Amino acid sequence: MIEDWLLVKEDYHPGKGKDRFIDKSIVSFLKAVALIRQSGYSSSLSRINPSLRVVTTLLSLVLISLTRSFTFLFIVDGLLLLQMIRLDPRERKRMIVLSLVFPLIALIALIPAMLQGSLLYSLLLCQKMVTSILSVHSLSMRTKWSELSRALKSIFVPDLVIWIIDITLKYIVLLGEYSTNLLYALKLRSIGQTKDKFGAVSGVMGNLFLKSCRMGEEMADAMECRGFVGEYRLPVKLRLTRIDYLYILLNLLLVSFFLYEYVWR
C-alpha cells in the first residue's frame, strides 16, 4: 500500500540565498592554494640549477638597487619579459599587472618630489620596483618550493628560516583546502535561506583556528617522535649543465655592463 504523500509531485522552490560573500571567499582560498601549487612552470629555463637561479636573482636585486642607469634596467626587463613568452596568458597578464600596481602607487606618492625637480630619480625608483618584482616573480614561477628550500640550504641560509618557509607554505595549502571545504558545506546547508550568511563565517573562522591549533600540536608531537631538532640535512650536488653555463655567461655579461655603467662610465 503506497502512502498518498508519496504520489504527490514535489513542488519545492528554495528561495534565493545571498552567497556572494561565500563564493568570493572560496575563490580567494582557491587562488592562494593554486599559486603555491603551480610554482615551477615547466620550460627550458626550469632546467637551470635552482641554487644558481636563487644566487643570480639575489645578485640581480643588489645590482638593480645600486644602478643609476635606465638602460641596464630596460635590458633586465627585456630578458625577464622574454622568459614570460611560454607562460599561460592569464598568468602572464597577472604577472605584468602585479609588477605595475605598486610602482604606480609609488609614482603617485612621489608626485610632490617630481614637482620639486626630482623627476628623473623618481622615475628611476619606480622602474627599479618594476624590475625587482618581475625578478622575484620569475624566480617563484620557475622554481618549485621544494627546490627553493634545497637552494636556500646550499647558500647557507639558516635552517630556522627554511623551516619557517616550509611550514608556512605547507599549512597555507592545508588550511586553505580545509577552509574551502567548510565554506562549501556552509553553502550547501543554507540553500533557500535568504538571510545574509556573513555572520556564519565567524563560525568557519573559529573552526579554522581550532583546526590550526590541533594541527600545530600534532606536528610538534610528530617532530618530537622523529627526533627532529631543526636541522636540514639535504644532499646538495651542484651539477652544472650546458644551459647552466649559458645562464652564468649571460649574468656575467649583465654584471660587466653594470660595472661599465656604474663605475667606469
Foldseek 3Di string as FASTA:
>chain_A
DDDPVVVDDDDDDFDDADCPVLVVLLVVLVVLLCLQVQAAPDDPVLPAQLLLLVVLLVVVLVLLVPFLDPVLLVVLVVVLVVLCPPPDPVVSVVLQVVLQPVLVVQLVVCVVVVVVPCVSVSVSVSSSSSSNSSSVVSSRRNDHLVSNLLSCVVVPDALVVSVVVVVVSVVSNVLSVVLSVVSVVVVVVCTRPHDHCPVVVVVSVVVSVVVVVVVVVVVVVVCVVVVPPSDDDDDDDDDGDPVNVVVVVVSVVSVVVSCCNNPVD
